[in-house]
Amino acid sequence: MYGRLFTLASAADHNLVFAWGMEIIEVDDRAAVLYRRDPVSRRTAHSVHESARAALARFDNRPAPMELVWMDMPDHIGILWDLFDIKALN
C-alpha cells in the first residue's frame, strides 16, 4: 500500500488551499481521502473519492478554478506513482 499527499489549490496561487488529501493505492484499488473546512460555516468535512483526480473533478471551480498539487516526495516514489497512474489509464 502506498500513500501520497496532495492539495486542491487555487489554479492562480497554489498557496491558497481549498482541501488537503491523501491518495492511497493498493495493488487492485485506489481511493482518496479529503479534508476541508467550509469557508463560510467553518465546519470540517471529510470525504472519500475514487482518486485524487476524482476529488478535483468534484470540487473544481468551487469556489474558484483549482488544480491538483502533489506534495513533494523522493524521486523514486514519484516515478513509481506515475507508473501506477499510467497503468490506471490503460
PDB file of N, CA and C in Angstrom:
ATOM      1  N   MET A   1       0.844  -1.169   0.000  1.00  0.00           N
ATOM      2  CA  MET A   1       0.000   0.000   0.000  1.00  0.00           C
ATOM      3  C   MET A   1       0.895   1.239   0.000  1.00  0.00           C
ATOM      4  N   TYR A   2       0.541   2.216  -0.812  1.00  0.00           N
ATOM      5  CA  TYR A   2       1.290   3.472  -0.893  1.00  0.00           C
ATOM      6  C   TYR A   2       0.341   4.637  -0.683  1.00  0.00           C
ATOM      7  N   GLY A   3       0.826   5.694  -0.064  1.00  0.00           N
ATOM      8  CA  GLY A   3       0.030   6.892   0.117  1.00  0.00           C
ATOM      9  C   GLY A   3       0.790   8.108  -0.386  1.00  0.00           C
ATOM     10  N   ARG A   4       0.049   9.057  -0.944  1.00  0.00           N
ATOM     11  CA  ARG A   4       0.669  10.280  -1.448  1.00  0.00           C
ATOM     12  C   ARG A   4      -0.219  11.466  -1.094  1.00  0.00           C
ATOM     13  N   LEU A   5       0.379  12.484  -0.496  1.00  0.00           N
ATOM     14  CA  LEU A   5      -0.360  13.668  -0.076  1.00  0.00           C
ATOM     15  C   LEU A   5      -0.547  14.645  -1.230  1.00  0.00           C
ATOM     16  N   PHE A   6      -1.669  15.362  -1.201  1.00  0.00           N
ATOM     17  CA  PHE A   6      -1.943  16.361  -2.226  1.00  0.00           C
ATOM     18  C   PHE A   6      -2.815  17.463  -1.646  1.00  0.00           C
ATOM     19  N   THR A   7      -2.895  18.557  -2.381  1.00  0.00           N
ATOM     20  CA  THR A   7      -3.852  19.607  -2.052  1.00  0.00           C
ATOM     21  C   THR A   7      -4.696  19.894  -3.287  1.00  0.00           C
ATOM     22  N   LEU A   8      -5.885  20.401  -3.050  1.00  0.00           N
ATOM     23  CA  LEU A   8      -6.681  21.031  -4.085  1.00  0.00           C
ATOM     24  C   LEU A   8      -6.502  22.513  -3.833  1.00  0.00           C
ATOM     25  N   ALA A   9      -5.822  23.192  -4.738  1.00  0.00           N
ATOM     26  CA  ALA A   9      -5.433  24.574  -4.522  1.00  0.00           C
ATOM     27  C   ALA A   9      -5.877  25.449  -5.687  1.00  0.00           C
ATOM     28  N   SER A  10      -5.907  26.739  -5.434  1.00  0.00           N
ATOM     29  CA  SER A  10      -6.254  27.709  -6.466  1.00  0.00           C
ATOM     30  C   SER A  10      -5.321  27.546  -7.658  1.00  0.00           C
ATOM     31  N   ALA A  11      -5.887  27.550  -8.856  1.00  0.00           N
ATOM     32  CA  ALA A  11      -5.062  27.467 -10.066  1.00  0.00           C
ATOM     33  C   ALA A  11      -4.175  28.701 -10.211  1.00  0.00           C
ATOM     34  N   ALA A  12      -4.624  29.813  -9.660  1.00  0.00           N
ATOM     35  CA  ALA A  12      -3.862  31.056  -9.757  1.00  0.00           C
ATOM     36  C   ALA A  12      -2.756  31.157  -8.712  1.00  0.00           C
ATOM     37  N   ASP A  13      -2.951  30.504  -7.558  1.00  0.00           N
ATOM     38  CA  ASP A  13      -1.981  30.594  -6.458  1.00  0.00           C
ATOM     39  C   ASP A  13      -2.056  29.320  -5.629  1.00  0.00           C
ATOM     40  N   HIS A  14      -1.083  28.442  -5.778  1.00  0.00           N
ATOM     41  CA  HIS A  14      -1.096  27.151  -5.074  1.00  0.00           C
ATOM     42  C   HIS A  14      -1.006  27.295  -3.555  1.00  0.00           C
ATOM     43  N   ASN A  15      -0.716  28.488  -3.059  1.00  0.00           N
ATOM     44  CA  ASN A  15      -0.703  28.713  -1.614  1.00  0.00           C
ATOM     45  C   ASN A  15      -2.107  28.869  -1.044  1.00  0.00           C
ATOM     46  N   LEU A  16      -3.103  29.062  -1.899  1.00  0.00           N
ATOM     47  CA  LEU A  16      -4.495  29.149  -1.464  1.00  0.00           C
ATOM     48  C   LEU A  16      -5.104  27.758  -1.562  1.00  0.00           C
ATOM     49  N   VAL A  17      -5.093  27.043  -0.451  1.00  0.00           N
ATOM     50  CA  VAL A  17      -5.504  25.639  -0.418  1.00  0.00           C
ATOM     51  C   VAL A  17      -6.976  25.526  -0.028  1.00  0.00           C
ATOM     52  N   PHE A  18      -7.740  24.789  -0.829  1.00  0.00           N
ATOM     53  CA  PHE A  18      -9.147  24.518  -0.572  1.00  0.00           C
ATOM     54  C   PHE A  18      -9.298  23.268   0.293  1.00  0.00           C
ATOM     55  N   ALA A  19      -8.476  22.248   0.025  1.00  0.00           N
ATOM     56  CA  ALA A  19      -8.581  20.981   0.757  1.00  0.00           C
ATOM     57  C   ALA A  19      -7.242  20.256   0.737  1.00  0.00           C
ATOM     58  N   TRP A  20      -7.029  19.435   1.758  1.00  0.00           N
ATOM     59  CA  TRP A  20      -5.862  18.560   1.859  1.00  0.00           C
ATOM     60  C   TRP A  20      -6.342  17.137   1.665  1.00  0.00           C
ATOM     61  N   GLY A  21      -5.503  16.314   1.046  1.00  0.00           N
ATOM     62  CA  GLY A  21      -5.918  14.945   0.837  1.00  0.00           C
ATOM     63  C   GLY A  21      -4.758  13.972   0.788  1.00  0.00           C
ATOM     64  N   MET A  22      -5.134  12.692   0.795  1.00  0.00           N
ATOM     65  CA  MET A  22      -4.164  11.626   0.624  1.00  0.00           C
ATOM     66  C   MET A  22      -4.776  10.594  -0.310  1.00  0.00           C
ATOM     67  N   GLU A  23      -4.033  10.269  -1.369  1.00  0.00           N
ATOM     68  CA  GLU A  23      -4.453   9.200  -2.263  1.00  0.00           C
ATOM     69  C   GLU A  23      -3.728   7.933  -1.839  1.00  0.00           C
ATOM     70  N   ILE A  24      -4.474   6.843  -1.738  1.00  0.00           N
ATOM     71  CA  ILE A  24      -3.925   5.561  -1.299  1.00  0.00           C
ATOM     72  C   ILE A  24      -4.098   4.562  -2.442  1.00  0.00           C
ATOM     73  N   ILE A  25      -3.003   3.924  -2.809  1.00  0.00           N
ATOM     74  CA  ILE A  25      -3.037   2.923  -3.879  1.00  0.00           C
ATOM     75  C   ILE A  25      -2.612   1.583  -3.317  1.00  0.00           C
ATOM     76  N   GLU A  26      -3.444   0.585  -3.597  1.00  0.00           N
ATOM     77  CA  GLU A  26      -3.088  -0.798  -3.312  1.00  0.00           C
ATOM     78  C   GLU A  26      -2.957  -1.491  -4.662  1.00  0.00           C
ATOM     79  N   VAL A  27      -2.629  -2.757  -4.650  1.00  0.00           N
ATOM     80  CA  VAL A  27      -2.396  -3.477  -5.897  1.00  0.00           C
ATOM     81  C   VAL A  27      -3.609  -3.385  -6.828  1.00  0.00           C
ATOM     82  N   ASP A  28      -4.807  -3.527  -6.289  1.00  0.00           N
ATOM     83  CA  ASP A  28      -6.004  -3.561  -7.134  1.00  0.00           C
ATOM     84  C   ASP A  28      -7.047  -2.500  -6.776  1.00  0.00           C
ATOM     85  N   ASP A  29      -6.635  -1.461  -6.059  1.00  0.00           N
ATOM     86  CA  ASP A  29      -7.608  -0.461  -5.623  1.00  0.00           C
ATOM     87  C   ASP A  29      -6.934   0.894  -5.439  1.00  0.00           C
ATOM     88  N   ARG A  30      -7.730   1.940  -5.496  1.00  0.00           N
ATOM     89  CA  ARG A  30      -7.253   3.306  -5.302  1.00  0.00           C
ATOM     90  C   ARG A  30      -8.378   4.086  -4.632  1.00  0.00           C
ATOM     91  N   ALA A  31      -8.026   4.967  -3.704  1.00  0.00           N
ATOM     92  CA  ALA A  31      -9.005   5.839  -3.054  1.00  0.00           C
ATOM     93  C   ALA A  31      -8.296   7.111  -2.609  1.00  0.00           C
ATOM     94  N   ALA A  32      -9.068   8.172  -2.440  1.00  0.00           N
ATOM     95  CA  ALA A  32      -8.528   9.429  -1.932  1.00  0.00           C
ATOM     96  C   ALA A  32      -9.412   9.900  -0.780  1.00  0.00           C
ATOM     97  N   VAL A  33      -8.778  10.276   0.308  1.00  0.00           N
ATOM     98  CA  VAL A  33      -9.474  10.827   1.465  1.00  0.00           C
ATOM     99  C   VAL A  33      -9.184  12.324   1.472  1.00  0.00           C
ATOM    100  N   LEU A  34     -10.231  13.125   1.630  1.00  0.00           N
ATOM    101  CA  LEU A  34     -10.096  14.578   1.540  1.00  0.00           C
ATOM    102  C   LEU A  34     -10.580  15.228   2.836  1.00  0.00           C
ATOM    103  N   TYR A  35      -9.847  16.240   3.284  1.00  0.00           N
ATOM    104  CA  TYR A  35     -10.217  17.040   4.452  1.00  0.00           C
ATOM    105  C   TYR A  35     -10.336  18.486   4.005  1.00  0.00           C
ATOM    106  N   ARG A  36     -11.441  19.117   4.344  1.00  0.00           N
ATOM    107  CA  ARG A  36     -11.594  20.533   4.022  1.00  0.00           C
ATOM    108  C   ARG A  36     -12.438  21.210   5.091  1.00  0.00           C
ATOM    109  N   ARG A  37     -12.339  22.523   5.123  1.00  0.00           N
ATOM    110  CA  ARG A  37     -13.143  23.317   6.041  1.00  0.00           C
ATOM    111  C   ARG A  37     -13.973  24.280   5.208  1.00  0.00           C
ATOM    112  N   ASP A  38     -15.285  24.278   5.432  1.00  0.00           N
ATOM    113  CA  ASP A  38     -16.168  25.175   4.697  1.00  0.00           C
ATOM    114  C   ASP A  38     -15.811  26.615   5.040  1.00  0.00           C
ATOM    115  N   PRO A  39     -15.525  27.457   4.028  1.00  0.00           N
ATOM    116  CA  PRO A  39     -15.078  28.823   4.324  1.00  0.00           C
ATOM    117  C   PRO A  39     -16.149  29.702   4.970  1.00  0.00           C
ATOM    118  N   VAL A  40     -17.418  29.370   4.773  1.00  0.00           N
ATOM    119  CA  VAL A  40     -18.496  30.182   5.339  1.00  0.00           C
ATOM    120  C   VAL A  40     -18.869  29.703   6.742  1.00  0.00           C
ATOM    121  N   SER A  41     -19.226  28.441   6.848  1.00  0.00           N
ATOM    122  CA  SER A  41     -19.686  27.915   8.143  1.00  0.00           C
ATOM    123  C   SER A  41     -18.539  27.513   9.069  1.00  0.00           C
ATOM    124  N   ARG A  42     -17.324  27.345   8.508  1.00  0.00           N
ATOM    125  CA  ARG A  42     -16.140  26.897   9.243  1.00  0.00           C
ATOM    126  C   ARG A  42     -16.289  25.454   9.738  1.00  0.00           C
ATOM    127  N   ARG A  43     -17.246  24.712   9.207  1.00  0.00           N
ATOM    128  CA  ARG A  43     -17.422  23.311   9.583  1.00  0.00           C
ATOM    129  C   ARG A  43     -16.429  22.440   8.828  1.00  0.00           C
ATOM    130  N   THR A  44     -15.940  21.415   9.491  1.00  0.00           N
ATOM    131  CA  THR A  44     -14.998  20.474   8.902  1.00  0.00           C
ATOM    132  C   THR A  44     -15.757  19.408   8.122  1.00  0.00           C
ATOM    133  N   ALA A  45     -15.223  19.034   6.969  1.00  0.00           N
ATOM    134  CA  ALA A  45     -15.834  17.987   6.151  1.00  0.00           C
ATOM    135  C   ALA A  45     -14.758  17.010   5.702  1.00  0.00           C
ATOM    136  N   HIS A  46     -15.105  15.734   5.721  1.00  0.00           N
ATOM    137  CA  HIS A  46     -14.244  14.668   5.217  1.00  0.00           C
ATOM    138  C   HIS A  46     -15.011  13.972   4.104  1.00  0.00           C
ATOM    139  N   SER A  47     -14.296  13.527   3.090  1.00  0.00           N
ATOM    140  CA  SER A  47     -14.951  12.780   2.020  1.00  0.00           C
ATOM    141  C   SER A  47     -13.978  11.768   1.433  1.00  0.00           C
ATOM    142  N   VAL A  48     -14.537  10.757   0.790  1.00  0.00           N
ATOM    143  CA  VAL A  48     -13.736   9.713   0.151  1.00  0.00           C
ATOM    144  C   VAL A  48     -14.107   9.697  -1.325  1.00  0.00           C
ATOM    145  N   HIS A  49     -13.092   9.604  -2.182  1.00  0.00           N
ATOM    146  CA  HIS A  49     -13.286   9.643  -3.628  1.00  0.00           C
ATOM    147  C   HIS A  49     -12.515   8.495  -4.264  1.00  0.00           C
ATOM    148  N   GLU A  50     -12.805   8.203  -5.523  1.00  0.00           N
ATOM    149  CA  GLU A  50     -12.131   7.118  -6.229  1.00  0.00           C
ATOM    150  C   GLU A  50     -10.653   7.399  -6.444  1.00  0.00           C
ATOM    151  N   SER A  51     -10.274   8.681  -6.532  1.00  0.00           N
ATOM    152  CA  SER A  51      -8.882   9.072  -6.744  1.00  0.00           C
ATOM    153  C   SER A  51      -8.745  10.557  -6.435  1.00  0.00           C
ATOM    154  N   ALA A  52      -7.518  11.039  -6.429  1.00  0.00           N
ATOM    155  CA  ALA A  52      -7.293  12.469  -6.228  1.00  0.00           C
ATOM    156  C   ALA A  52      -7.892  13.258  -7.386  1.00  0.00           C
ATOM    157  N   ARG A  53      -7.767  12.738  -8.597  1.00  0.00           N
ATOM    158  CA  ARG A  53      -8.342  13.426  -9.754  1.00  0.00           C
ATOM    159  C   ARG A  53      -9.873  13.472  -9.673  1.00  0.00           C
ATOM    160  N   ALA A  54     -10.490  12.421  -9.127  1.00  0.00           N
ATOM    161  CA  ALA A  54     -11.948  12.425  -8.939  1.00  0.00           C
ATOM    162  C   ALA A  54     -12.352  13.473  -7.903  1.00  0.00           C
ATOM    163  N   ALA A  55     -11.541  13.640  -6.857  1.00  0.00           N
ATOM    164  CA  ALA A  55     -11.817  14.677  -5.860  1.00  0.00           C
ATOM    165  C   ALA A  55     -11.734  16.056  -6.504  1.00  0.00           C
ATOM    166  N   LEU A  56     -10.726  16.263  -7.343  1.00  0.00           N
ATOM    167  CA  LEU A  56     -10.604  17.539  -8.048  1.00  0.00           C
ATOM    168  C   LEU A  56     -11.831  17.781  -8.922  1.00  0.00           C
ATOM    169  N   ALA A  57     -12.261  16.771  -9.650  1.00  0.00           N
ATOM    170  CA  ALA A  57     -13.432  16.922 -10.524  1.00  0.00           C
ATOM    171  C   ALA A  57     -14.681  17.273  -9.715  1.00  0.00           C
ATOM    172  N   ARG A  58     -14.796  16.731  -8.522  1.00  0.00           N
ATOM    173  CA  ARG A  58     -15.961  17.008  -7.670  1.00  0.00           C
ATOM    174  C   ARG A  58     -15.997  18.453  -7.201  1.00  0.00           C
ATOM    175  N   PHE A  59     -14.838  19.033  -6.891  1.00  0.00           N
ATOM    176  CA  PHE A  59     -14.799  20.365  -6.293  1.00  0.00           C
ATOM    177  C   PHE A  59     -14.232  21.452  -7.208  1.00  0.00           C
ATOM    178  N   ASP A  60     -13.813  21.126  -8.423  1.00  0.00           N
ATOM    179  CA  ASP A  60     -13.215  22.146  -9.290  1.00  0.00           C
ATOM    180  C   ASP A  60     -14.196  23.290  -9.538  1.00  0.00           C
ATOM    181  N   ASN A  61     -13.654  24.491  -9.638  1.00  0.00           N
ATOM    182  CA  ASN A  61     -14.419  25.731  -9.843  1.00  0.00           C
ATOM    183  C   ASN A  61     -15.270  26.118  -8.640  1.00  0.00           C
ATOM    184  N   ARG A  62     -15.005  25.519  -7.499  1.00  0.00           N
ATOM    185  CA  ARG A  62     -15.744  25.842  -6.290  1.00  0.00           C
ATOM    186  C   ARG A  62     -14.765  26.052  -5.176  1.00  0.00           C
ATOM    187  N   PRO A  63     -14.447  27.174  -4.739  1.00  0.00           N
ATOM    188  CA  PRO A  63     -15.011  28.493  -5.054  1.00  0.00           C
ATOM    189  C   PRO A  63     -14.384  29.149  -6.283  1.00  0.00           C
ATOM    190  N   ALA A  64     -13.297  28.620  -6.807  1.00  0.00           N
ATOM    191  CA  ALA A  64     -12.621  29.158  -7.998  1.00  0.00           C
ATOM    192  C   ALA A  64     -11.924  27.988  -8.686  1.00  0.00           C
ATOM    193  N   PRO A  65     -11.446  28.171  -9.925  1.00  0.00           N
ATOM    194  CA  PRO A  65     -10.735  27.072 -10.589  1.00  0.00           C
ATOM    195  C   PRO A  65      -9.572  26.555  -9.733  1.00  0.00           C
ATOM    196  N   MET A  66      -9.481  25.222  -9.621  1.00  0.00           N
ATOM    197  CA  MET A  66      -8.461  24.599  -8.778  1.00  0.00           C
ATOM    198  C   MET A  66      -7.600  23.649  -9.583  1.00  0.00           C
ATOM    199  N   GLU A  67      -6.474  23.309  -8.991  1.00  0.00           N
ATOM    200  CA  GLU A  67      -5.572  22.316  -9.558  1.00  0.00           C
ATOM    201  C   GLU A  67      -5.208  21.305  -8.478  1.00  0.00           C
ATOM    202  N   LEU A  68      -4.890  20.116  -8.925  1.00  0.00           N
ATOM    203  CA  LEU A  68      -4.373  19.072  -8.051  1.00  0.00           C
ATOM    204  C   LEU A  68      -2.879  19.299  -7.906  1.00  0.00           C
ATOM    205  N   VAL A  69      -2.407  19.493  -6.682  1.00  0.00           N
ATOM    206  CA  VAL A  69      -0.988  19.760  -6.438  1.00  0.00           C
ATOM    207  C   VAL A  69      -0.443  18.640  -5.549  1.00  0.00           C
ATOM    208  N   TRP A  70       0.434  17.815  -6.105  1.00  0.00           N
ATOM    209  CA  TRP A  70       1.049  16.732  -5.342  1.00  0.00           C
ATOM    210  C   TRP A  70       2.117  17.306  -4.431  1.00  0.00           C
ATOM    211  N   MET A  71       2.202  16.803  -3.227  1.00  0.00           N
ATOM    212  CA  MET A  71       3.223  17.247  -2.274  1.00  0.00           C
ATOM    213  C   MET A  71       4.553  16.599  -2.656  1.00  0.00           C
ATOM    214  N   ASP A  72       5.654  17.256  -2.310  1.00  0.00           N
ATOM    215  CA  ASP A  72       6.981  16.754  -2.647  1.00  0.00           C
ATOM    216  C   ASP A  72       7.218  15.372  -2.056  1.00  0.00           C
ATOM    217  N   MET A  73       7.940  14.574  -2.817  1.00  0.00           N
ATOM    218  CA  MET A  73       8.325  13.240  -2.356  1.00  0.00           C
ATOM    219  C   MET A  73       9.612  12.846  -3.057  1.00  0.00           C
ATOM    220  N   PRO A  74      10.310  11.862  -2.524  1.00  0.00           N
ATOM    221  CA  PRO A  74      11.548  11.410  -3.182  1.00  0.00           C
ATOM    222  C   PRO A  74      11.271  10.989  -4.629  1.00  0.00           C
ATOM    223  N   ASP A  75      12.223  11.240  -5.515  1.00  0.00           N
ATOM    224  CA  ASP A  75      12.039  10.967  -6.940  1.00  0.00           C
ATOM    225  C   ASP A  75      11.641   9.523  -7.228  1.00  0.00           C
ATOM    226  N   HIS A  76      12.239   8.567  -6.521  1.00  0.00           N
ATOM    227  CA  HIS A  76      11.932   7.171  -6.832  1.00  0.00           C
ATOM    228  C   HIS A  76      10.478   6.837  -6.508  1.00  0.00           C
ATOM    229  N   ILE A  77       9.896   7.473  -5.500  1.00  0.00           N
ATOM    230  CA  ILE A  77       8.482   7.247  -5.181  1.00  0.00           C
ATOM    231  C   ILE A  77       7.607   7.934  -6.232  1.00  0.00           C
ATOM    232  N   GLY A  78       7.990   9.144  -6.661  1.00  0.00           N
ATOM    233  CA  GLY A  78       7.233   9.845  -7.692  1.00  0.00           C
ATOM    234  C   GLY A  78       7.173   9.068  -8.993  1.00  0.00           C
ATOM    235  N   ILE A  79       8.277   8.456  -9.373  1.00  0.00           N
ATOM    236  CA  ILE A  79       8.316   7.645 -10.589  1.00  0.00           C
ATOM    237  C   ILE A  79       7.390   6.442 -10.446  1.00  0.00           C
ATOM    238  N   LEU A  80       7.428   5.789  -9.291  1.00  0.00           N
ATOM    239  CA  LEU A  80       6.551   4.649  -9.026  1.00  0.00           C
ATOM    240  C   LEU A  80       5.088   5.074  -9.112  1.00  0.00           C
ATOM    241  N   TRP A  81       4.780   6.239  -8.535  1.00  0.00           N
ATOM    242  CA  TRP A  81       3.404   6.738  -8.561  1.00  0.00           C
ATOM    243  C   TRP A  81       2.939   6.991  -9.999  1.00  0.00           C
ATOM    244  N   ASP A  82       3.811   7.572 -10.821  1.00  0.00           N
ATOM    245  CA  ASP A  82       3.479   7.817 -12.220  1.00  0.00           C
ATOM    246  C   ASP A  82       3.189   6.509 -12.944  1.00  0.00           C
ATOM    247  N   LEU A  83       3.909   5.461 -12.626  1.00  0.00           N
ATOM    248  CA  LEU A  83       3.654   4.158 -13.238  1.00  0.00           C
ATOM    249  C   LEU A  83       2.270   3.652 -12.858  1.00  0.00           C
ATOM    250  N   PHE A  84       1.865   3.838 -11.596  1.00  0.00           N
ATOM    251  CA  PHE A  84       0.514   3.447 -11.182  1.00  0.00           C
ATOM    252  C   PHE A  84      -0.523   4.223 -11.985  1.00  0.00           C
ATOM    253  N   ASP A  85      -0.296   5.534 -12.189  1.00  0.00           N
ATOM    254  CA  ASP A  85      -1.232   6.350 -12.966  1.00  0.00           C
ATOM    255  C   ASP A  85      -1.319   5.881 -14.411  1.00  0.00           C
ATOM    256  N   ILE A  86      -0.193   5.553 -15.020  1.00  0.00           N
ATOM    257  CA  ILE A  86      -0.184   5.063 -16.397  1.00  0.00           C
ATOM    258  C   ILE A  86      -0.950   3.753 -16.491  1.00  0.00           C
ATOM    259  N   LYS A  87      -0.724   2.861 -15.535  1.00  0.00           N
ATOM    260  CA  LYS A  87      -1.417   1.576 -15.517  1.00  0.00           C
ATOM    261  C   LYS A  87      -2.928   1.776 -15.373  1.00  0.00           C
ATOM    262  N   ALA A  88      -3.330   2.759 -14.534  1.00  0.00           N
ATOM    263  CA  ALA A  88      -4.751   3.012 -14.312  1.00  0.00           C
ATOM    264  C   ALA A  88      -5.432   3.573 -15.560  1.00  0.00           C
ATOM    265  N   LEU A  89      -4.689   4.305 -16.382  1.00  0.00           N
ATOM    266  CA  LEU A  89      -5.278   4.896 -17.576  1.00  0.00           C
ATOM    267  C   LEU A  89      -5.446   3.907 -18.706  1.00  0.00           C
ATOM    268  N   ASN A  90      -4.702   2.795 -18.666  1.00  0.00           N
ATOM    269  CA  ASN A  90      -4.787   1.772 -19.743  1.00  0.00           C
ATOM    270  C   ASN A  90      -5.880   0.785 -19.496  1.00  0.00           C
TER     271      ASN A  90
END
